[in-house]
C-alpha atoms as a PDB file:
ATOM      1  CA  MET A   1     -33.393   0.655 -49.572  1.00  0.00           C
ATOM      2  CA  ASP A   2     -29.786   0.770 -50.704  1.00  0.00           C
ATOM      3  CA  LYS A   3     -27.736  -1.986 -49.098  1.00  0.00           C
ATOM      4  CA  ILE A   4     -24.865   0.434 -48.229  1.00  0.00           C
ATOM      5  CA  ASN A   5     -27.215   2.565 -46.250  1.00  0.00           C
ATOM      6  CA  GLN A   6     -28.460  -0.471 -44.434  1.00  0.00           C
ATOM      7  CA  THR A   7     -25.134  -1.787 -43.325  1.00  0.00           C
ATOM      8  CA  PHE A   8     -22.830   1.153 -42.728  1.00  0.00           C
ATOM      9  CA  VAL A   9     -23.128   3.311 -39.658  1.00  0.00           C
ATOM     10  CA  LEU A  10     -21.079   6.479 -39.248  1.00  0.00           C
ATOM     11  CA  GLU A  11     -21.797   7.030 -35.612  1.00  0.00           C
ATOM     12  CA  PHE A  12     -23.815   5.718 -32.641  1.00  0.00           C
ATOM     13  CA  LEU A  13     -26.028   7.517 -30.167  1.00  0.00           C
ATOM     14  CA  LEU A  14     -25.567   6.661 -26.457  1.00  0.00           C
ATOM     15  CA  LEU A  15     -28.803   7.060 -24.593  1.00  0.00           C
ATOM     16  CA  GLY A  16     -27.367   6.694 -21.093  1.00  0.00           C
ATOM     17  CA  LEU A  17     -29.942   8.033 -18.562  1.00  0.00           C
ATOM     18  CA  SER A  18     -31.621  10.365 -21.126  1.00  0.00           C
ATOM     19  CA  GLU A  19     -35.047   9.032 -19.982  1.00  0.00           C
ATOM     20  CA  TYR A  20     -34.206  10.463 -16.491  1.00  0.00           C
ATOM     21  CA  PRO A  21     -32.985  13.984 -17.329  1.00  0.00           C
ATOM     22  CA  LYS A  22     -33.523  15.263 -13.852  1.00  0.00           C
ATOM     23  CA  THR A  23     -31.049  12.785 -12.383  1.00  0.00           C
ATOM     24  CA  GLU A  24     -28.293  13.373 -14.901  1.00  0.00           C
ATOM     25  CA  ILE A  25     -26.600  16.156 -12.997  1.00  0.00           C
ATOM     26  CA  VAL A  26     -26.674  14.124  -9.914  1.00  0.00           C
ATOM     27  CA  TYR A  27     -24.975  11.182 -11.683  1.00  0.00           C
ATOM     28  CA  PHE A  28     -22.485  13.670 -13.191  1.00  0.00           C
ATOM     29  CA  VAL A  29     -21.319  14.738  -9.779  1.00  0.00           C
ATOM     30  CA  VAL A  30     -21.266  11.233  -8.425  1.00  0.00           C
ATOM     31  CA  ILE A  31     -19.427   9.702 -11.373  1.00  0.00           C
ATOM     32  CA  LEU A  32     -16.900  12.635 -11.475  1.00  0.00           C
ATOM     33  CA  SER A  33     -16.212  12.250  -7.741  1.00  0.00           C
ATOM     34  CA  MET A  34     -15.736   8.486  -8.159  1.00  0.00           C
ATOM     35  CA  TYR A  35     -13.440   9.003 -11.153  1.00  0.00           C
ATOM     36  CA  LEU A  36     -11.185  11.382  -9.229  1.00  0.00           C
ATOM     37  CA  VAL A  37     -10.953   8.874  -6.347  1.00  0.00           C
ATOM     38  CA  ILE A  38      -9.958   6.225  -8.966  1.00  0.00           C
ATOM     39  CA  LEU A  39      -7.252   8.425 -10.379  1.00  0.00           C
ATOM     40  CA  VAL A  40      -5.891   9.465  -7.027  1.00  0.00           C
ATOM     41  CA  GLY A  41      -6.257   6.108  -5.190  1.00  0.00           C
ATOM     42  CA  ASN A  42      -4.796   3.948  -7.901  1.00  0.00           C
ATOM     43  CA  GLY A  43      -2.176   6.474  -8.721  1.00  0.00           C
ATOM     44  CA  VAL A  44      -1.025   6.456  -5.137  1.00  0.00           C
ATOM     45  CA  LEU A  45      -0.945   2.624  -5.103  1.00  0.00           C
ATOM     46  CA  ILE A  46       1.182   2.588  -8.362  1.00  0.00           C
ATOM     47  CA  THR A  47       3.557   5.190  -6.984  1.00  0.00           C
ATOM     48  CA  ALA A  48       3.887   3.256  -3.719  1.00  0.00           C
ATOM     49  CA  SER A  49       4.538  -0.034  -5.433  1.00  0.00           C
ATOM     50  CA  ILE A  50       7.307   1.650  -7.581  1.00  0.00           C
ATOM     51  CA  PHE A  51       9.155   3.765  -5.001  1.00  0.00           C
ATOM     52  CA  ASP A  52       8.750   1.860  -1.752  1.00  0.00           C
ATOM     53  CA  SER A  53      11.254  -1.048  -1.519  1.00  0.00           C
ATOM     54  CA  HIS A  54       8.983  -2.865   0.981  1.00  0.00           C
ATOM     55  CA  LEU A  55       6.539  -3.368  -1.863  1.00  0.00           C
ATOM     56  CA  HIS A  56       8.972  -4.797  -4.422  1.00  0.00           C
ATOM     57  CA  SER A  57       7.407  -8.211  -4.410  1.00  0.00           C
ATOM     58  CA  PRO A  58       5.181 -10.223  -6.810  1.00  0.00           C
ATOM     59  CA  MET A  59       1.929  -9.411  -5.016  1.00  0.00           C
ATOM     60  CA  TYR A  60       2.399  -5.714  -5.121  1.00  0.00           C
ATOM     61  CA  PHE A  61       3.702  -5.907  -8.742  1.00  0.00           C
ATOM     62  CA  PHE A  62       0.370  -7.409  -9.620  1.00  0.00           C
ATOM     63  CA  LEU A  63      -1.424  -4.861  -7.506  1.00  0.00           C
ATOM     64  CA  GLY A  64       0.299  -2.114  -9.350  1.00  0.00           C
ATOM     65  CA  ASN A  65      -0.727  -3.625 -12.698  1.00  0.00           C
ATOM     66  CA  LEU A  66      -4.381  -3.866 -11.410  1.00  0.00           C
ATOM     67  CA  SER A  67      -4.262  -0.239 -10.425  1.00  0.00           C
ATOM     68  CA  PHE A  68      -2.889   0.830 -13.818  1.00  0.00           C
ATOM     69  CA  LEU A  69      -5.572  -1.334 -15.558  1.00  0.00           C
ATOM     70  CA  ASP A  70      -8.367   0.346 -13.549  1.00  0.00           C
ATOM     71  CA  ILE A  71      -7.148   3.829 -14.600  1.00  0.00           C
ATOM     72  CA  CYS A  72      -6.964   2.771 -18.229  1.00  0.00           C
ATOM     73  CA  TYR A  73     -10.347   1.174 -18.166  1.00  0.00           C
ATOM     74  CA  THR A  74     -12.182   4.099 -16.534  1.00  0.00           C
ATOM     75  CA  SER A  75     -10.306   6.656 -18.704  1.00  0.00           C
ATOM     76  CA  SER A  76     -11.582   5.020 -21.801  1.00  0.00           C
ATOM     77  CA  SER A  77     -15.248   5.393 -20.909  1.00  0.00           C
ATOM     78  CA  VAL A  78     -15.908   7.793 -17.956  1.00  0.00           C
ATOM     79  CA  PRO A  79     -14.742  11.097 -19.656  1.00  0.00           C
ATOM     80  CA  SER A  80     -17.184  10.540 -22.511  1.00  0.00           C
ATOM     81  CA  THR A  81     -19.917   9.647 -20.093  1.00  0.00           C
ATOM     82  CA  LEU A  82     -19.400  12.756 -18.128  1.00  0.00           C
ATOM     83  CA  VAL A  83     -19.485  14.906 -21.323  1.00  0.00           C
ATOM     84  CA  SER A  84     -22.726  13.346 -22.377  1.00  0.00           C
ATOM     85  CA  LEU A  85     -24.286  13.959 -18.977  1.00  0.00           C
ATOM     86  CA  ILE A  86     -23.420  17.596 -18.726  1.00  0.00           C
ATOM     87  CA  SER A  87     -23.635  18.650 -22.455  1.00  0.00           C
ATOM     88  CA  LYS A  88     -26.216  16.343 -23.804  1.00  0.00           C
ATOM     89  CA  LYS A  89     -23.696  15.360 -26.542  1.00  0.00           C
ATOM     90  CA  ARG A  90     -24.500  11.675 -26.895  1.00  0.00           C
ATOM     91  CA  ASN A  91     -23.099  10.701 -30.241  1.00  0.00           C
ATOM     92  CA  ILE A  92     -19.911   8.742 -30.653  1.00  0.00           C
ATOM     93  CA  SER A  93     -18.115   7.994 -33.903  1.00  0.00           C
ATOM     94  CA  PHE A  94     -17.977   4.400 -35.259  1.00  0.00           C
ATOM     95  CA  SER A  95     -14.216   4.236 -34.706  1.00  0.00           C
ATOM     96  CA  GLY A  96     -14.572   5.853 -31.249  1.00  0.00           C
ATOM     97  CA  CYS A  97     -17.067   3.251 -30.335  1.00  0.00           C
ATOM     98  CA  ALA A  98     -14.763   0.430 -31.516  1.00  0.00           C
ATOM     99  CA  VAL A  99     -11.849   1.836 -29.435  1.00  0.00           C
ATOM    100  CA  GLN A 100     -14.058   2.142 -26.354  1.00  0.00           C
ATOM    101  CA  MET A 101     -15.304  -1.443 -26.797  1.00  0.00           C
ATOM    102  CA  PHE A 102     -11.754  -2.739 -27.348  1.00  0.00           C
ATOM    103  CA  PHE A 103     -10.494  -1.092 -24.117  1.00  0.00           C
ATOM    104  CA  GLY A 104     -13.495  -2.211 -22.079  1.00  0.00           C
ATOM    105  CA  PHE A 105     -13.182  -5.831 -23.175  1.00  0.00           C
ATOM    106  CA  ALA A 106      -9.357  -5.925 -22.981  1.00  0.00           C
ATOM    107  CA  MET A 107      -9.270  -4.536 -19.470  1.00  0.00           C
ATOM    108  CA  GLY A 108     -12.010  -6.751 -18.260  1.00  0.00           C
ATOM    109  CA  SER A 109     -10.314  -9.898 -19.683  1.00  0.00           C
ATOM    110  CA  THR A 110      -6.861  -8.847 -18.349  1.00  0.00           C
ATOM    111  CA  GLU A 111      -8.226  -8.134 -14.838  1.00  0.00           C
ATOM    112  CA  CYS A 112      -9.687 -11.669 -14.600  1.00  0.00           C
ATOM    113  CA  LEU A 113      -6.335 -13.132 -15.477  1.00  0.00           C
ATOM    114  CA  LEU A 114      -4.493 -10.823 -13.012  1.00  0.00           C
ATOM    115  CA  LEU A 115      -6.780 -11.707 -10.140  1.00  0.00           C
ATOM    116  CA  GLY A 116      -6.068 -15.452 -10.986  1.00  0.00           C
ATOM    117  CA  MET A 117      -2.388 -14.764 -10.982  1.00  0.00           C
ATOM    118  CA  MET A 118      -2.529 -13.001  -7.654  1.00  0.00           C
ATOM    119  CA  ALA A 119      -4.364 -15.919  -6.131  1.00  0.00           C
ATOM    120  CA  PHE A 120      -1.633 -18.351  -7.345  1.00  0.00           C
ATOM    121  CA  ASP A 121       0.885 -16.006  -5.859  1.00  0.00           C
ATOM    122  CA  ARG A 122      -0.809 -16.130  -2.408  1.00  0.00           C
ATOM    123  CA  TYR A 123      -1.012 -19.941  -2.771  1.00  0.00           C
ATOM    124  CA  VAL A 124       2.690 -20.257  -3.339  1.00  0.00           C
ATOM    125  CA  ALA A 125       3.512 -17.787  -0.596  1.00  0.00           C
ATOM    126  CA  ILE A 126       1.399 -19.543   2.114  1.00  0.00           C
ATOM    127  CA  CYS A 127       1.594 -23.183   1.066  1.00  0.00           C
ATOM    128  CA  ASN A 128       5.175 -23.270  -0.216  1.00  0.00           C
ATOM    129  CA  PRO A 129       7.020 -20.369   1.496  1.00  0.00           C
ATOM    130  CA  LEU A 130      10.425 -21.920   1.181  1.00  0.00           C
ATOM    131  CA  ARG A 131      10.120 -22.310  -2.548  1.00  0.00           C
ATOM    132  CA  TYR A 132       8.404 -18.967  -3.065  1.00  0.00           C
ATOM    133  CA  PRO A 133      11.504 -16.954  -4.125  1.00  0.00           C
ATOM    134  CA  VAL A 134      12.281 -19.598  -6.750  1.00  0.00           C
ATOM    135  CA  ILE A 135       8.733 -20.236  -8.047  1.00  0.00           C
ATOM    136  CA  MET A 136       7.808 -16.525  -8.116  1.00  0.00           C
ATOM    137  CA  SER A 137      11.052 -15.107  -9.342  1.00  0.00           C
ATOM    138  CA  LYS A 138      10.994 -11.607 -11.055  1.00  0.00           C
ATOM    139  CA  VAL A 139      11.227 -13.233 -14.559  1.00  0.00           C
ATOM    140  CA  VAL A 140       8.280 -15.427 -13.773  1.00  0.00           C
ATOM    141  CA  TYR A 141       5.849 -12.875 -12.239  1.00  0.00           C
ATOM    142  CA  VAL A 142       6.718 -10.282 -14.990  1.00  0.00           C
ATOM    143  CA  LEU A 143       6.047 -12.978 -17.597  1.00  0.00           C
ATOM    144  CA  MET A 144       2.699 -13.852 -15.966  1.00  0.00           C
ATOM    145  CA  ALA A 145       1.560 -10.234 -16.012  1.00  0.00           C
ATOM    146  CA  SER A 146       2.696  -9.849 -19.609  1.00  0.00           C
ATOM    147  CA  VAL A 147       0.753 -12.931 -20.603  1.00  0.00           C
ATOM    148  CA  SER A 148      -2.322 -11.518 -18.866  1.00  0.00           C
ATOM    149  CA  TRP A 149      -2.090  -8.204 -20.814  1.00  0.00           C
ATOM    150  CA  LEU A 150      -1.327  -9.871 -24.141  1.00  0.00           C
ATOM    151  CA  SER A 151      -4.083 -12.416 -23.747  1.00  0.00           C
ATOM    152  CA  GLY A 152      -6.641  -9.828 -22.829  1.00  0.00           C
ATOM    153  CA  GLY A 153      -5.699  -7.618 -25.740  1.00  0.00           C
ATOM    154  CA  ILE A 154      -5.846 -10.527 -28.256  1.00  0.00           C
ATOM    155  CA  ASN A 155      -9.266 -11.576 -26.898  1.00  0.00           C
ATOM    156  CA  SER A 156     -10.585  -8.069 -27.188  1.00  0.00           C
ATOM    157  CA  ILE A 157      -9.271  -7.669 -30.728  1.00  0.00           C
ATOM    158  CA  VAL A 158     -11.177 -10.739 -31.804  1.00  0.00           C
ATOM    159  CA  GLN A 159     -14.467  -9.785 -30.007  1.00  0.00           C
ATOM    160  CA  THR A 160     -14.312  -6.166 -31.170  1.00  0.00           C
ATOM    161  CA  SER A 161     -13.487  -7.129 -34.843  1.00  0.00           C
ATOM    162  CA  LEU A 162     -16.358  -9.614 -34.959  1.00  0.00           C
ATOM    163  CA  ALA A 163     -18.851  -7.085 -33.426  1.00  0.00           C
ATOM    164  CA  MET A 164     -17.886  -4.108 -35.550  1.00  0.00           C
ATOM    165  CA  GLN A 165     -18.072  -6.118 -38.818  1.00  0.00           C
ATOM    166  CA  LEU A 166     -21.759  -6.757 -38.279  1.00  0.00           C
ATOM    167  CA  PRO A 167     -24.370  -4.813 -40.363  1.00  0.00           C
ATOM    168  CA  PHE A 168     -26.352  -2.316 -38.126  1.00  0.00           C
ATOM    169  CA  CYS A 169     -28.926  -1.218 -40.712  1.00  0.00           C
ATOM    170  CA  GLU A 170     -30.164   2.207 -39.631  1.00  0.00           C
ATOM    171  CA  ASN A 171     -30.408   1.369 -35.938  1.00  0.00           C
ATOM    172  CA  ASN A 172     -27.506   3.214 -34.247  1.00  0.00           C
ATOM    173  CA  VAL A 173     -29.137   3.963 -30.856  1.00  0.00           C
ATOM    174  CA  ILE A 174     -27.141   2.237 -27.967  1.00  0.00           C
ATOM    175  CA  ASN A 175     -29.268   2.183 -24.851  1.00  0.00           C
ATOM    176  CA  HIS A 176     -26.248   2.352 -22.577  1.00  0.00           C
ATOM    177  CA  PHE A 177     -23.669   4.684 -21.091  1.00  0.00           C
ATOM    178  CA  THR A 178     -20.809   3.315 -23.325  1.00  0.00           C
ATOM    179  CA  CYS A 179     -20.219   1.096 -26.368  1.00  0.00           C
ATOM    180  CA  GLU A 180     -20.554  -1.998 -24.233  1.00  0.00           C
ATOM    181  CA  ILE A 181     -20.308  -5.006 -26.458  1.00  0.00           C
ATOM    182  CA  LEU A 182     -23.629  -6.677 -25.584  1.00  0.00           C
ATOM    183  CA  ALA A 183     -25.507  -3.385 -26.080  1.00  0.00           C
ATOM    184  CA  VAL A 184     -23.895  -2.997 -29.539  1.00  0.00           C
ATOM    185  CA  LEU A 185     -24.740  -6.611 -30.564  1.00  0.00           C
ATOM    186  CA  LYS A 186     -28.406  -5.816 -29.981  1.00  0.00           C
ATOM    187  CA  LEU A 187     -28.300  -3.416 -32.890  1.00  0.00           C
ATOM    188  CA  ALA A 188     -27.132  -5.946 -35.441  1.00  0.00           C
ATOM    189  CA  CYS A 189     -29.631  -6.815 -38.131  1.00  0.00           C
ATOM    190  CA  THR A 190     -28.109 -10.171 -38.917  1.00  0.00           C
ATOM    191  CA  ASP A 191     -27.356 -13.496 -37.255  1.00  0.00           C
ATOM    192  CA  ILE A 192     -24.998 -13.078 -34.277  1.00  0.00           C
ATOM    193  CA  SER A 193     -24.580 -16.832 -33.568  1.00  0.00           C
ATOM    194  CA  LEU A 194     -20.795 -16.566 -34.164  1.00  0.00           C
ATOM    195  CA  ASN A 195     -20.536 -13.700 -31.750  1.00  0.00           C
ATOM    196  CA  ILE A 196     -22.424 -15.523 -29.068  1.00  0.00           C
ATOM    197  CA  ILE A 197     -20.260 -18.625 -29.490  1.00  0.00           C
ATOM    198  CA  THR A 198     -17.013 -16.689 -29.319  1.00  0.00           C
ATOM    199  CA  MET A 199     -18.174 -14.872 -26.194  1.00  0.00           C
ATOM    200  CA  MET A 200     -19.093 -18.181 -24.592  1.00  0.00           C
ATOM    201  CA  VAL A 201     -15.558 -19.437 -25.364  1.00  0.00           C
ATOM    202  CA  SER A 202     -14.195 -16.150 -24.054  1.00  0.00           C
ATOM    203  CA  ASN A 203     -16.184 -16.508 -20.774  1.00  0.00           C
ATOM    204  CA  MET A 204     -14.826 -19.899 -20.180  1.00  0.00           C
ATOM    205  CA  ALA A 205     -11.239 -18.851 -20.747  1.00  0.00           C
ATOM    206  CA  PHE A 206     -11.273 -15.487 -19.074  1.00  0.00           C
ATOM    207  CA  LEU A 207     -14.021 -15.908 -16.439  1.00  0.00           C
ATOM    208  CA  VAL A 208     -14.317 -19.556 -15.490  1.00  0.00           C
ATOM    209  CA  LEU A 209     -10.701 -20.719 -15.710  1.00  0.00           C
ATOM    210  CA  PRO A 210      -9.219 -17.887 -13.502  1.00  0.00           C
ATOM    211  CA  LEU A 211     -12.061 -18.388 -11.120  1.00  0.00           C
ATOM    212  CA  LEU A 212     -11.110 -22.023 -10.858  1.00  0.00           C
ATOM    213  CA  VAL A 213      -7.531 -21.110 -10.137  1.00  0.00           C
ATOM    214  CA  ILE A 214      -8.735 -18.747  -7.451  1.00  0.00           C
ATOM    215  CA  PHE A 215     -11.061 -21.319  -5.964  1.00  0.00           C
ATOM    216  CA  PHE A 216      -8.534 -24.103  -5.753  1.00  0.00           C
ATOM    217  CA  SER A 217      -5.740 -21.753  -4.601  1.00  0.00           C
ATOM    218  CA  TYR A 218      -7.863 -20.592  -1.709  1.00  0.00           C
ATOM    219  CA  MET A 219      -8.937 -24.177  -0.861  1.00  0.00           C
ATOM    220  CA  PHE A 220      -5.228 -25.189  -0.501  1.00  0.00           C
ATOM    221  CA  ILE A 221      -4.608 -21.883   1.409  1.00  0.00           C
ATOM    222  CA  LEU A 222      -7.458 -22.575   3.752  1.00  0.00           C
ATOM    223  CA  TYR A 223      -6.310 -26.090   4.378  1.00  0.00           C
ATOM    224  CA  THR A 224      -2.733 -24.896   5.069  1.00  0.00           C
ATOM    225  CA  ILE A 225      -3.946 -22.068   7.374  1.00  0.00           C
ATOM    226  CA  LEU A 226      -6.119 -24.487   9.470  1.00  0.00           C
ATOM    227  CA  ARG A 227      -3.161 -26.738  10.019  1.00  0.00           C
ATOM    228  CA  MET A 228      -0.995 -23.915  11.422  1.00  0.00           C
ATOM    229  CA  ASN A 229      -0.324 -24.098  15.137  1.00  0.00           C
ATOM    230  CA  SER A 230       0.313 -20.413  15.674  1.00  0.00           C
ATOM    231  CA  ALA A 231      -2.721 -18.238  15.964  1.00  0.00           C
ATOM    232  CA  ARG A 232      -0.608 -15.332  14.948  1.00  0.00           C
ATOM    233  CA  GLY A 233       0.468 -17.160  11.874  1.00  0.00           C
ATOM    234  CA  ARG A 234      -3.086 -17.920  10.952  1.00  0.00           C
ATOM    235  CA  HIS A 235      -4.082 -14.263  11.433  1.00  0.00           C
ATOM    236  CA  LYS A 236      -1.171 -12.998   9.252  1.00  0.00           C
ATOM    237  CA  ALA A 237      -2.045 -15.490   6.468  1.00  0.00           C
ATOM    238  CA  PHE A 238      -5.687 -14.480   6.576  1.00  0.00           C
ATOM    239  CA  SER A 239      -4.897 -10.820   6.460  1.00  0.00           C
ATOM    240  CA  THR A 240      -2.640 -11.177   3.433  1.00  0.00           C
ATOM    241  CA  CYS A 241      -5.449 -12.856   1.460  1.00  0.00           C
ATOM    242  CA  SER A 242      -8.525 -10.881   2.763  1.00  0.00           C
ATOM    243  CA  ALA A 243      -8.057  -7.841   0.526  1.00  0.00           C
ATOM    244  CA  HIS A 244      -7.625  -9.915  -2.610  1.00  0.00           C
ATOM    245  CA  LEU A 245     -10.565 -12.143  -1.782  1.00  0.00           C
ATOM    246  CA  THR A 246     -12.803  -9.124  -1.180  1.00  0.00           C
ATOM    247  CA  VAL A 247     -11.837  -7.620  -4.591  1.00  0.00           C
ATOM    248  CA  VAL A 248     -12.515 -11.068  -6.305  1.00  0.00           C
ATOM    249  CA  ILE A 249     -15.984 -11.342  -4.705  1.00  0.00           C
ATOM    250  CA  ILE A 250     -17.012  -7.794  -5.724  1.00  0.00           C
ATOM    251  CA  PHE A 251     -15.503  -8.148  -9.266  1.00  0.00           C
ATOM    252  CA  TYR A 252     -16.672 -11.606 -10.179  1.00  0.00           C
ATOM    253  CA  GLY A 253     -20.092 -11.113  -8.528  1.00  0.00           C
ATOM    254  CA  THR A 254     -20.704  -8.107 -10.806  1.00  0.00           C
ATOM    255  CA  ILE A 255     -19.114  -9.330 -13.953  1.00  0.00           C
ATOM    256  CA  PHE A 256     -20.778 -12.753 -13.806  1.00  0.00           C
ATOM    257  CA  PHE A 257     -24.174 -11.074 -13.517  1.00  0.00           C
ATOM    258  CA  MET A 258     -23.447  -8.921 -16.495  1.00  0.00           C
ATOM    259  CA  TYR A 259     -21.794 -11.476 -18.921  1.00  0.00           C
ATOM    260  CA  ALA A 260     -22.217 -15.028 -17.790  1.00  0.00           C
ATOM    261  CA  LYS A 261     -26.009 -15.012 -17.612  1.00  0.00           C
ATOM    262  CA  PRO A 262     -27.787 -16.321 -20.788  1.00  0.00           C
ATOM    263  CA  LYS A 263     -27.934 -13.487 -23.397  1.00  0.00           C
ATOM    264  CA  SER A 264     -29.348 -15.150 -26.542  1.00  0.00           C
ATOM    265  CA  GLN A 265     -32.940 -14.473 -25.728  1.00  0.00           C
ATOM    266  CA  GLU A 266     -32.185 -10.890 -24.573  1.00  0.00           C
ATOM    267  CA  LEU A 267     -30.074 -10.106 -27.551  1.00  0.00           C
ATOM    268  CA  HIS A 268     -32.915 -11.055 -29.960  1.00  0.00           C
ATOM    269  CA  GLY A 269     -35.627  -9.707 -27.808  1.00  0.00           C
ATOM    270  CA  GLU A 270     -36.680  -6.205 -26.753  1.00  0.00           C
ATOM    271  CA  ASN A 271     -34.021  -3.621 -27.462  1.00  0.00           C
ATOM    272  CA  LYS A 272     -34.167  -1.880 -24.057  1.00  0.00           C
ATOM    273  CA  LEU A 273     -31.990  -2.066 -20.976  1.00  0.00           C
ATOM    274  CA  GLN A 274     -33.718  -1.366 -17.712  1.00  0.00           C
ATOM    275  CA  ALA A 275     -32.254   1.310 -15.460  1.00  0.00           C
ATOM    276  CA  SER A 276     -31.077  -1.440 -13.001  1.00  0.00           C
ATOM    277  CA  ASP A 277     -29.018  -3.012 -15.745  1.00  0.00           C
ATOM    278  CA  LYS A 278     -27.283   0.243 -16.536  1.00  0.00           C
ATOM    279  CA  LEU A 279     -26.570   0.928 -12.910  1.00  0.00           C
ATOM    280  CA  ILE A 280     -25.107  -2.609 -12.483  1.00  0.00           C
ATOM    281  CA  SER A 281     -22.853  -1.809 -15.427  1.00  0.00           C
ATOM    282  CA  LEU A 282     -21.974   1.508 -13.903  1.00  0.00           C
ATOM    283  CA  PHE A 283     -21.066  -0.337 -10.651  1.00  0.00           C
ATOM    284  CA  TYR A 284     -18.741  -2.632 -12.508  1.00  0.00           C
ATOM    285  CA  GLY A 285     -17.187   0.159 -14.538  1.00  0.00           C
ATOM    286  CA  VAL A 286     -16.683   2.833 -11.850  1.00  0.00           C
ATOM    287  CA  VAL A 287     -17.451   1.582  -8.295  1.00  0.00           C
ATOM    288  CA  THR A 288     -15.254  -1.548  -8.521  1.00  0.00           C
ATOM    289  CA  PRO A 289     -12.048   0.341  -9.677  1.00  0.00           C
ATOM    290  CA  MET A 290     -12.757   2.923  -6.927  1.00  0.00           C
ATOM    291  CA  LEU A 291     -13.096   0.258  -4.244  1.00  0.00           C
ATOM    292  CA  ASN A 292      -9.860  -1.601  -5.197  1.00  0.00           C
ATOM    293  CA  PRO A 293      -7.287   0.839  -3.794  1.00  0.00           C
ATOM    294  CA  ILE A 294      -9.570   1.453  -0.770  1.00  0.00           C
ATOM    295  CA  ILE A 295      -9.834  -2.228   0.037  1.00  0.00           C
ATOM    296  CA  TYR A 296      -6.086  -2.791  -0.356  1.00  0.00           C
ATOM    297  CA  SER A 297      -5.125   0.276   1.653  1.00  0.00           C
ATOM    298  CA  LEU A 298      -7.408  -0.469   4.505  1.00  0.00           C
ATOM    299  CA  ARG A 299      -6.715  -4.148   4.827  1.00  0.00           C
ATOM    300  CA  ASN A 300      -2.973  -4.291   4.119  1.00  0.00           C
ATOM    301  CA  LYS A 301      -0.560  -2.774   6.684  1.00  0.00           C
ATOM    302  CA  ASP A 302       2.363  -2.736   4.263  1.00  0.00           C
ATOM    303  CA  VAL A 303       0.304  -0.640   1.753  1.00  0.00           C
ATOM    304  CA  LYS A 304      -1.024   1.635   4.474  1.00  0.00           C
ATOM    305  CA  ALA A 305       2.579   2.186   5.786  1.00  0.00           C
ATOM    306  CA  ALA A 306       3.733   2.943   2.276  1.00  0.00           C
ATOM    307  CA  VAL A 307       0.948   5.377   1.593  1.00  0.00           C
ATOM    308  CA  LYS A 308       1.603   7.128   4.896  1.00  0.00           C
ATOM    309  CA  TYR A 309       5.216   7.383   3.902  1.00  0.00           C
ATOM    310  CA  LEU A 310       4.299   8.965   0.584  1.00  0.00           C
ATOM    311  CA  LEU A 311       1.833  11.359   2.030  1.00  0.00           C
ATOM    312  CA  ASN A 312       3.757  12.384   5.199  1.00  0.00           C
ATOM    313  CA  LYS A 313       7.298  11.720   4.025  1.00  0.00           C
ATOM    314  CA  LYS A 314       8.117   9.993   7.194  1.00  0.00           C
ATOM    315  CA  PRO A 315      10.352   6.858   7.379  1.00  0.00           C
ATOM    316  CA  ILE A 316       8.437   3.551   7.641  1.00  0.00           C
ATOM    317  CA  GLN A 317       9.044   1.944  11.020  1.00  0.00           C
END
């Protein structure tokens, strides 16, 4: 067989839930509904954080970034998933797959860092309130967000470039909804040790380190809250952290299950994802971005007040 035919793939075929054709229309309706909630919910949060002066603070600036990130992430994959479910068009070009993989990895990496930045912001606000305006000045928190986006983008460029340079032989069938990097790596017909090593390093930098920042930030926050004499003060401190902590638990719980578990044996083993694995990936890709604005709206009175103002056009008390 000619070597060029072995190593160059023009397009990929995304299987999705093709083995369950009777459920595809159900998933189409469910995913479309979730996507609309994501666009509306996160769009409202972004608008509120921009136009409501009560939300012009570091925490809501990070929240606006998180909402924008969720819209970008889902918009890079959900529309093509919906098309494949309703039209049975499952092929995606090589370049389209690379773009989808880049956005997926970049947004995931950036979100990890942003969640860490938000935890640090809460730590400074609760544990060092007098120094908060100095430590978390506008220059600082804009720089923190910029570093998160830039680092996530660079990480994704490295991972995507390494993955798309691999030879794929004639195997171009991706047993997944999207061009998820682990599903693509399974198709390679060469040694992928370098990819596994770089992903382990990436996991440490973008999963473990932000999680350590979150963990120690909340340990100090908890220590500070327990030392407060005022029950009202403790309740207020807990309420400002509860939404972020809920999002962290959902996000990290799902992403660790997907990416931090040992993959070497799976990557070289049977080339088949179980339906449960696909649904977990769907949960991370669609349900989590949908829940973020709901959680922050329900558990944060400032956000609720701003949203009510935008919807009802009434002054905030």
